[in-house]
C-alpha atoms as a PDB file:
ATOM      1  CA  MET A   1     -24.016  32.481 -14.851  1.00  0.00           C
ATOM      2  CA  SER A   2     -25.986  30.678 -17.260  1.00  0.00           C
ATOM      3  CA  ILE A   3     -22.868  28.088 -17.967  1.00  0.00           C
ATOM      4  CA  PRO A   4     -23.095  26.837 -14.641  1.00  0.00           C
ATOM      5  CA  ILE A   5     -26.461  26.166 -14.991  1.00  0.00           C
ATOM      6  CA  PHE A   6     -26.623  24.916 -18.181  1.00  0.00           C
ATOM      7  CA  PHE A   7     -24.272  22.155 -17.245  1.00  0.00           C
ATOM      8  CA  ALA A   8     -26.497  21.062 -13.880  1.00  0.00           C
ATOM      9  CA  ALA A   9     -29.810  20.949 -15.887  1.00  0.00           C
ATOM     10  CA  ALA A  10     -27.738  18.893 -18.635  1.00  0.00           C
ATOM     11  CA  LEU A  11     -26.491  16.400 -15.742  1.00  0.00           C
ATOM     12  CA  CYS A  12     -30.137  16.243 -14.308  1.00  0.00           C
ATOM     13  CA  GLU A  13     -31.594  15.372 -17.509  1.00  0.00           C
ATOM     14  CA  ILE A  14     -29.335  13.173 -18.532  1.00  0.00           C
ATOM     15  CA  ALA A  15     -29.466  11.101 -15.202  1.00  0.00           C
ATOM     16  CA  GLY A  16     -33.000  11.507 -15.211  1.00  0.00           C
ATOM     17  CA  CYS A  17     -33.421   9.633 -18.453  1.00  0.00           C
ATOM     18  CA  PHE A  18     -30.599   7.576 -18.232  1.00  0.00           C
ATOM     19  CA  THR A  19     -33.183   6.071 -15.047  1.00  0.00           C
ATOM     20  CA  PHE A  20     -35.749   5.280 -17.805  1.00  0.00           C
ATOM     21  CA  TRP A  21     -33.367   3.683 -20.183  1.00  0.00           C
ATOM     22  CA  ALA A  22     -32.027   1.302 -17.089  1.00  0.00           C
ATOM     23  CA  TRP A  23     -35.664   0.455 -16.091  1.00  0.00           C
ATOM     24  CA  LEU A  24     -36.634  -0.468 -19.806  1.00  0.00           C
ATOM     25  CA  ARG A  25     -33.494  -1.672 -21.606  1.00  0.00           C
ATOM     26  CA  LEU A  26     -31.185  -2.917 -18.961  1.00  0.00           C
ATOM     27  CA  GLU A  27     -34.115  -4.509 -16.991  1.00  0.00           C
ATOM     28  CA  LYS A  28     -33.286  -2.415 -13.662  1.00  0.00           C
ATOM     29  CA  SER A  29     -36.243  -2.243 -10.700  1.00  0.00           C
ATOM     30  CA  ALA A  30     -39.198   0.426 -11.454  1.00  0.00           C
ATOM     31  CA  LEU A  31     -37.719   2.166  -8.203  1.00  0.00           C
ATOM     32  CA  TRP A  32     -35.075   3.655 -10.849  1.00  0.00           C
ATOM     33  CA  LEU A  33     -37.956   5.658 -11.766  1.00  0.00           C
ATOM     34  CA  ILE A  34     -38.328   7.658  -8.403  1.00  0.00           C
ATOM     35  CA  PRO A  35     -35.208   9.553  -8.367  1.00  0.00           C
ATOM     36  CA  GLY A  36     -35.317   9.851 -12.289  1.00  0.00           C
ATOM     37  CA  ILE A  37     -38.530  11.790 -11.922  1.00  0.00           C
ATOM     38  CA  GLY A  38     -37.025  14.202  -9.465  1.00  0.00           C
ATOM     39  CA  LEU A  39     -33.895  14.807 -11.585  1.00  0.00           C
ATOM     40  CA  LEU A  40     -36.153  15.992 -14.431  1.00  0.00           C
ATOM     41  CA  ILE A  41     -38.473  18.280 -12.463  1.00  0.00           C
ATOM     42  CA  LEU A  42     -34.950  19.562 -11.101  1.00  0.00           C
ATOM     43  CA  PHE A  43     -33.633  19.698 -14.878  1.00  0.00           C
ATOM     44  CA  GLY A  44     -36.947  21.857 -15.526  1.00  0.00           C
ATOM     45  CA  TRP A  45     -36.278  24.059 -12.657  1.00  0.00           C
ATOM     46  CA  LEU A  46     -32.976  24.871 -13.200  1.00  0.00           C
ATOM     47  CA  LEU A  47     -33.294  26.289 -16.841  1.00  0.00           C
ATOM     48  CA  THR A  48     -35.750  28.774 -15.041  1.00  0.00           C
ATOM     49  CA  PHE A  49     -32.849  30.713 -13.747  1.00  0.00           C
ATOM     50  CA  ALA A  50     -30.742  30.560 -17.359  1.00  0.00           C
ATOM     51  CA  GLU A  51     -30.272  34.411 -18.294  1.00  0.00           C
ATOM     52  CA  SER A  52     -32.198  34.861 -20.848  1.00  0.00           C
ATOM     53  CA  SER A  53     -35.740  36.459 -21.274  1.00  0.00           C
ATOM     54  CA  ASP A  54     -36.760  34.265 -23.712  1.00  0.00           C
ATOM     55  CA  ALA A  55     -37.398  30.302 -22.886  1.00  0.00           C
ATOM     56  CA  GLY A  56     -36.985  29.393 -26.792  1.00  0.00           C
ATOM     57  CA  ARG A  57     -33.532  30.991 -27.050  1.00  0.00           C
ATOM     58  CA  ALA A  58     -32.646  29.381 -23.413  1.00  0.00           C
ATOM     59  CA  TYR A  59     -33.440  25.982 -24.375  1.00  0.00           C
ATOM     60  CA  ALA A  60     -31.579  26.580 -28.080  1.00  0.00           C
ATOM     61  CA  ALA A  61     -28.274  27.347 -25.762  1.00  0.00           C
ATOM     62  CA  TYR A  62     -28.972  24.735 -23.585  1.00  0.00           C
ATOM     63  CA  GLY A  63     -29.080  22.301 -26.295  1.00  0.00           C
ATOM     64  CA  GLY A  64     -25.421  22.420 -27.429  1.00  0.00           C
ATOM     65  CA  ILE A  65     -24.227  21.828 -23.854  1.00  0.00           C
ATOM     66  CA  TYR A  66     -26.606  19.308 -23.348  1.00  0.00           C
ATOM     67  CA  ILE A  67     -24.954  17.517 -26.349  1.00  0.00           C
ATOM     68  CA  GLY A  68     -21.623  17.785 -25.025  1.00  0.00           C
ATOM     69  CA  ALA A  69     -22.406  16.625 -21.797  1.00  0.00           C
ATOM     70  CA  SER A  70     -24.061  13.433 -23.197  1.00  0.00           C
ATOM     71  CA  LEU A  71     -21.143  12.549 -24.813  1.00  0.00           C
ATOM     72  CA  ALA A  72     -19.331  12.778 -21.574  1.00  0.00           C
ATOM     73  CA  TRP A  73     -21.839  10.547 -19.662  1.00  0.00           C
ATOM     74  CA  LEU A  74     -21.364   7.908 -22.720  1.00  0.00           C
ATOM     75  CA  TRP A  75     -17.399   7.831 -22.169  1.00  0.00           C
ATOM     76  CA  LEU A  76     -17.582   8.259 -18.020  1.00  0.00           C
ATOM     77  CA  VAL A  77     -20.753   6.645 -17.056  1.00  0.00           C
ATOM     78  CA  GLU A  78     -21.020   4.151 -19.854  1.00  0.00           C
ATOM     79  CA  GLY A  79     -17.787   3.417 -21.005  1.00  0.00           C
ATOM     80  CA  VAL A  80     -18.088   4.329 -24.341  1.00  0.00           C
ATOM     81  CA  ARG A  81     -15.279   6.475 -25.702  1.00  0.00           C
ATOM     82  CA  PRO A  82     -17.053   8.883 -28.208  1.00  0.00           C
ATOM     83  CA  ASP A  83     -15.271   8.665 -31.583  1.00  0.00           C
ATOM     84  CA  ARG A  84     -13.865  11.756 -33.669  1.00  0.00           C
ATOM     85  CA  TRP A  85     -17.272  12.423 -35.128  1.00  0.00           C
ATOM     86  CA  ASP A  86     -19.075  12.563 -31.934  1.00  0.00           C
ATOM     87  CA  VAL A  87     -16.353  15.242 -30.800  1.00  0.00           C
ATOM     88  CA  VAL A  88     -16.785  16.890 -34.357  1.00  0.00           C
ATOM     89  CA  GLY A  89     -20.547  17.497 -34.063  1.00  0.00           C
ATOM     90  CA  ALA A  90     -20.717  18.317 -30.648  1.00  0.00           C
ATOM     91  CA  THR A  91     -17.934  20.965 -31.024  1.00  0.00           C
ATOM     92  CA  ILE A  92     -20.363  22.682 -33.782  1.00  0.00           C
ATOM     93  CA  CYS A  93     -23.334  22.131 -31.467  1.00  0.00           C
ATOM     94  CA  VAL A  94     -21.220  24.134 -28.486  1.00  0.00           C
ATOM     95  CA  ILE A  95     -19.878  26.353 -31.232  1.00  0.00           C
ATOM     96  CA  GLY A  96     -23.737  27.244 -32.253  1.00  0.00           C
ATOM     97  CA  ALA A  97     -24.825  27.346 -28.442  1.00  0.00           C
ATOM     98  CA  SER A  98     -22.496  30.048 -27.655  1.00  0.00           C
ATOM     99  CA  ILE A  99     -23.578  32.423 -30.526  1.00  0.00           C
ATOM    100  CA  ILE A 100     -27.128  31.980 -29.572  1.00  0.00           C
ATOM    101  CA  LEU A 101     -26.006  32.521 -25.759  1.00  0.00           C
ATOM    102  CA  PHE A 102     -23.498  35.268 -26.626  1.00  0.00           C
ATOM    103  CA  GLY A 103     -24.651  37.032 -29.493  1.00  0.00           C
ATOM    104  CA  PRO A 104     -25.359  40.782 -29.479  1.00  0.00           C
ATOM    105  CA  ARG A 105     -29.064  41.410 -28.823  1.00  0.00           C
ATOM    106  CA  THR A 106     -30.855  44.486 -29.983  1.00  0.00           C
ATOM    107  CA  ALA A 107     -33.938  45.344 -28.090  1.00  0.00           C
END
């Protein structure tokens, strides 16, 4: 169940942060910040549903998903195709996140 939560959280975090980018770097209206703040609150709330007893472990596993989702955003929203180094780096991060998330745990 954590994987869909991580993807939803990533979308909220990236979109929420992008509203600040749009306001400061793309000179969009400050009104862009209203949905951005809501999305960032939703992001934090969603991560509480990750299947982990430890917040730090959930955040670490989420990090790999976030990196991959950020590159998807780069391509789909910003129109910039990730290069091979982006893909290699994201793949390494997703593998690391998978190890953190699915590795056997002892009590």
